[in-house]
């Protein structure tokens, strides 16, 4: 199973970006999908998660600005980021809990995509 993230880049404060992460391979189903980020010199932190029934939660720092969604047919998760701030600058990683065999779920990570918020 591979997770391929895309959509990062340079954006000015107040701007928007949309990240995508597509899972491919021997997938029976995907339970939770999410986004984490790691800023320079800091530990990786959870940004947002979404379950297969669409229930989501967010870090307090991004509530009201970021929105996660998923397409279960395409095995893809999206992150719409609005009103970006310089402190949102980080490498963003997607994560998925994937069922590859009956009663077996494995956690997978994408390689990360860099988001830079700067004027």
C-alpha atoms as a PDB file:
ATOM      1  CA  UNK A   1       0.000   0.000   0.000  1.00  0.00           C
ATOM      2  CA  UNK A   2       1.260   3.485  -0.884  1.00  0.00           C
ATOM      3  CA  UNK A   3       0.005   6.922   0.074  1.00  0.00           C
ATOM      4  CA  UNK A   4       0.788   9.698  -2.395  1.00  0.00           C
ATOM      5  CA  UNK A   5       0.299  13.244  -1.154  1.00  0.00           C
ATOM      6  CA  UNK A   6       0.209  16.340  -3.327  1.00  0.00           C
ATOM      7  CA  UNK A   7      -0.848  19.967  -3.278  1.00  0.00           C
ATOM      8  CA  UNK A   8       1.743  21.632  -1.099  1.00  0.00           C
ATOM      9  CA  UNK A   9       3.491  24.836  -2.039  1.00  0.00           C
ATOM     10  CA  UNK A  10       4.156  28.446  -1.174  1.00  0.00           C
ATOM     11  CA  UNK A  11       1.229  30.656  -0.250  1.00  0.00           C
ATOM     12  CA  UNK A  12       0.855  34.092   1.285  1.00  0.00           C
ATOM     13  CA  UNK A  13      -0.717  34.578   4.715  1.00  0.00           C
ATOM     14  CA  UNK A  14      -4.488  34.489   4.397  1.00  0.00           C
ATOM     15  CA  UNK A  15      -4.309  32.299   1.329  1.00  0.00           C
ATOM     16  CA  UNK A  16      -5.609  28.789   0.689  1.00  0.00           C
ATOM     17  CA  UNK A  17      -4.254  25.427  -0.379  1.00  0.00           C
ATOM     18  CA  UNK A  18      -5.817  22.032  -0.937  1.00  0.00           C
ATOM     19  CA  UNK A  19      -3.874  18.880  -0.177  1.00  0.00           C
ATOM     20  CA  UNK A  20      -4.761  15.462  -1.565  1.00  0.00           C
ATOM     21  CA  UNK A  21      -3.579  12.011  -0.569  1.00  0.00           C
ATOM     22  CA  UNK A  22      -4.451   8.928  -2.559  1.00  0.00           C
ATOM     23  CA  UNK A  23      -3.993   5.395  -1.248  1.00  0.00           C
ATOM     24  CA  UNK A  24      -3.227   2.601  -3.671  1.00  0.00           C
ATOM     25  CA  UNK A  25      -2.378  -1.080  -3.503  1.00  0.00           C
ATOM     26  CA  UNK A  26      -4.033  -4.117  -1.957  1.00  0.00           C
ATOM     27  CA  UNK A  27      -6.773  -2.336  -0.049  1.00  0.00           C
ATOM     28  CA  UNK A  28      -9.915  -3.969   1.302  1.00  0.00           C
ATOM     29  CA  UNK A  29     -11.063  -0.869   3.153  1.00  0.00           C
ATOM     30  CA  UNK A  30      -9.702   2.170   4.962  1.00  0.00           C
ATOM     31  CA  UNK A  31     -10.771   3.030   8.487  1.00  0.00           C
ATOM     32  CA  UNK A  32      -9.341   6.347   9.686  1.00  0.00           C
ATOM     33  CA  UNK A  33      -7.529   8.784   7.405  1.00  0.00           C
ATOM     34  CA  UNK A  34      -5.782  11.868   8.626  1.00  0.00           C
ATOM     35  CA  UNK A  35      -3.230  14.612   8.277  1.00  0.00           C
ATOM     36  CA  UNK A  36      -0.291  15.344  10.537  1.00  0.00           C
ATOM     37  CA  UNK A  37       2.325  18.041  10.234  1.00  0.00           C
ATOM     38  CA  UNK A  38       5.868  18.662  11.395  1.00  0.00           C
ATOM     39  CA  UNK A  39       7.276  22.160  11.577  1.00  0.00           C
ATOM     40  CA  UNK A  40      11.044  22.775  11.637  1.00  0.00           C
ATOM     41  CA  UNK A  41      12.470  21.885  15.031  1.00  0.00           C
ATOM     42  CA  UNK A  42       9.160  20.542  16.313  1.00  0.00           C
ATOM     43  CA  UNK A  43       7.558  17.161  16.788  1.00  0.00           C
ATOM     44  CA  UNK A  44       4.988  15.783  14.385  1.00  0.00           C
ATOM     45  CA  UNK A  45       1.476  16.731  15.486  1.00  0.00           C
ATOM     46  CA  UNK A  46      -2.023  15.688  14.561  1.00  0.00           C
ATOM     47  CA  UNK A  47      -3.931  18.177  12.411  1.00  0.00           C
ATOM     48  CA  UNK A  48      -7.153  16.341  11.651  1.00  0.00           C
ATOM     49  CA  UNK A  49      -8.716  12.887  11.303  1.00  0.00           C
ATOM     50  CA  UNK A  50     -11.765  11.519   9.515  1.00  0.00           C
ATOM     51  CA  UNK A  51     -13.397   8.127   9.946  1.00  0.00           C
ATOM     52  CA  UNK A  52     -14.945   6.070   7.164  1.00  0.00           C
ATOM     53  CA  UNK A  53     -18.415   7.341   8.110  1.00  0.00           C
ATOM     54  CA  UNK A  54     -17.293  10.956   7.823  1.00  0.00           C
ATOM     55  CA  UNK A  55     -16.797  11.838  11.482  1.00  0.00           C
ATOM     56  CA  UNK A  56     -13.914  14.283  11.848  1.00  0.00           C
ATOM     57  CA  UNK A  57     -11.972  16.097  14.510  1.00  0.00           C
ATOM     58  CA  UNK A  58      -9.417  18.890  14.408  1.00  0.00           C
ATOM     59  CA  UNK A  59      -6.567  20.342  16.373  1.00  0.00           C
ATOM     60  CA  UNK A  60      -7.658  23.536  18.116  1.00  0.00           C
ATOM     61  CA  UNK A  61      -5.123  25.528  16.107  1.00  0.00           C
ATOM     62  CA  UNK A  62      -6.859  24.773  12.791  1.00  0.00           C
ATOM     63  CA  UNK A  63     -10.539  24.639  13.772  1.00  0.00           C
ATOM     64  CA  UNK A  64     -12.644  26.871  11.560  1.00  0.00           C
ATOM     65  CA  UNK A  65      -9.862  27.215   8.982  1.00  0.00           C
ATOM     66  CA  UNK A  66      -9.143  23.666   7.778  1.00  0.00           C
ATOM     67  CA  UNK A  67     -11.602  21.076   6.479  1.00  0.00           C
ATOM     68  CA  UNK A  68     -10.941  17.389   5.908  1.00  0.00           C
ATOM     69  CA  UNK A  69     -12.952  15.240   3.518  1.00  0.00           C
ATOM     70  CA  UNK A  70     -12.569  11.875   1.837  1.00  0.00           C
ATOM     71  CA  UNK A  71     -13.695   9.943  -1.206  1.00  0.00           C
ATOM     72  CA  UNK A  72     -14.077   6.311  -0.213  1.00  0.00           C
ATOM     73  CA  UNK A  73     -14.373   5.177  -3.835  1.00  0.00           C
ATOM     74  CA  UNK A  74     -11.066   6.806  -4.777  1.00  0.00           C
ATOM     75  CA  UNK A  75      -9.416   6.000  -1.413  1.00  0.00           C
ATOM     76  CA  UNK A  76      -8.428   9.642  -1.224  1.00  0.00           C
ATOM     77  CA  UNK A  77      -8.398  12.149   1.603  1.00  0.00           C
ATOM     78  CA  UNK A  78      -8.353  15.908   1.124  1.00  0.00           C
ATOM     79  CA  UNK A  79      -7.382  18.829   3.323  1.00  0.00           C
ATOM     80  CA  UNK A  80      -8.736  22.236   2.447  1.00  0.00           C
ATOM     81  CA  UNK A  81      -6.678  24.878   4.234  1.00  0.00           C
ATOM     82  CA  UNK A  82      -8.006  28.420   4.364  1.00  0.00           C
ATOM     83  CA  UNK A  83      -6.794  31.598   6.028  1.00  0.00           C
ATOM     84  CA  UNK A  84      -3.306  30.150   6.283  1.00  0.00           C
ATOM     85  CA  UNK A  85      -0.881  31.575   8.809  1.00  0.00           C
ATOM     86  CA  UNK A  86       2.916  31.520   8.931  1.00  0.00           C
ATOM     87  CA  UNK A  87       2.697  29.076  11.848  1.00  0.00           C
ATOM     88  CA  UNK A  88       0.991  26.577   9.532  1.00  0.00           C
ATOM     89  CA  UNK A  89       4.301  26.191   7.711  1.00  0.00           C
ATOM     90  CA  UNK A  90       5.295  22.537   7.960  1.00  0.00           C
ATOM     91  CA  UNK A  91       5.648  19.277   6.112  1.00  0.00           C
ATOM     92  CA  UNK A  92       2.199  17.713   5.980  1.00  0.00           C
ATOM     93  CA  UNK A  93       1.887  13.930   6.125  1.00  0.00           C
ATOM     94  CA  UNK A  94      -1.156  11.864   5.359  1.00  0.00           C
ATOM     95  CA  UNK A  95      -1.912   8.748   7.333  1.00  0.00           C
ATOM     96  CA  UNK A  96      -4.329   5.896   6.805  1.00  0.00           C
ATOM     97  CA  UNK A  97      -5.402   2.823   8.730  1.00  0.00           C
ATOM     98  CA  UNK A  98      -5.795   0.288   5.951  1.00  0.00           C
ATOM     99  CA  UNK A  99      -7.387  -3.136   5.968  1.00  0.00           C
ATOM    100  CA  UNK A 100      -5.212  -5.346   3.785  1.00  0.00           C
ATOM    101  CA  UNK A 101      -6.477  -8.704   5.030  1.00  0.00           C
ATOM    102  CA  UNK A 102      -9.514  -9.895   6.982  1.00  0.00           C
ATOM    103  CA  UNK A 103      -9.326  -8.528  10.561  1.00  0.00           C
ATOM    104  CA  UNK A 104      -5.929  -6.945   9.873  1.00  0.00           C
ATOM    105  CA  UNK A 105      -5.399  -3.182   9.807  1.00  0.00           C
ATOM    106  CA  UNK A 106      -2.034  -1.531   9.194  1.00  0.00           C
ATOM    107  CA  UNK A 107      -1.024   2.095   9.588  1.00  0.00           C
ATOM    108  CA  UNK A 108       0.580   3.744   6.544  1.00  0.00           C
ATOM    109  CA  UNK A 109       2.237   7.133   6.042  1.00  0.00           C
ATOM    110  CA  UNK A 110       2.699   9.242   2.957  1.00  0.00           C
ATOM    111  CA  UNK A 111       6.063  10.887   2.249  1.00  0.00           C
ATOM    112  CA  UNK A 112       4.897  14.384   3.087  1.00  0.00           C
ATOM    113  CA  UNK A 113       4.289  17.582   1.201  1.00  0.00           C
ATOM    114  CA  UNK A 114       5.754  20.945   2.181  1.00  0.00           C
ATOM    115  CA  UNK A 115       3.456  23.882   2.905  1.00  0.00           C
ATOM    116  CA  UNK A 116       5.139  27.258   3.295  1.00  0.00           C
ATOM    117  CA  UNK A 117       3.144  30.288   4.368  1.00  0.00           C
ATOM    118  CA  UNK A 118       5.119  33.442   3.844  1.00  0.00           C
ATOM    119  CA  UNK A 119       4.857  36.880   2.312  1.00  0.00           C
END
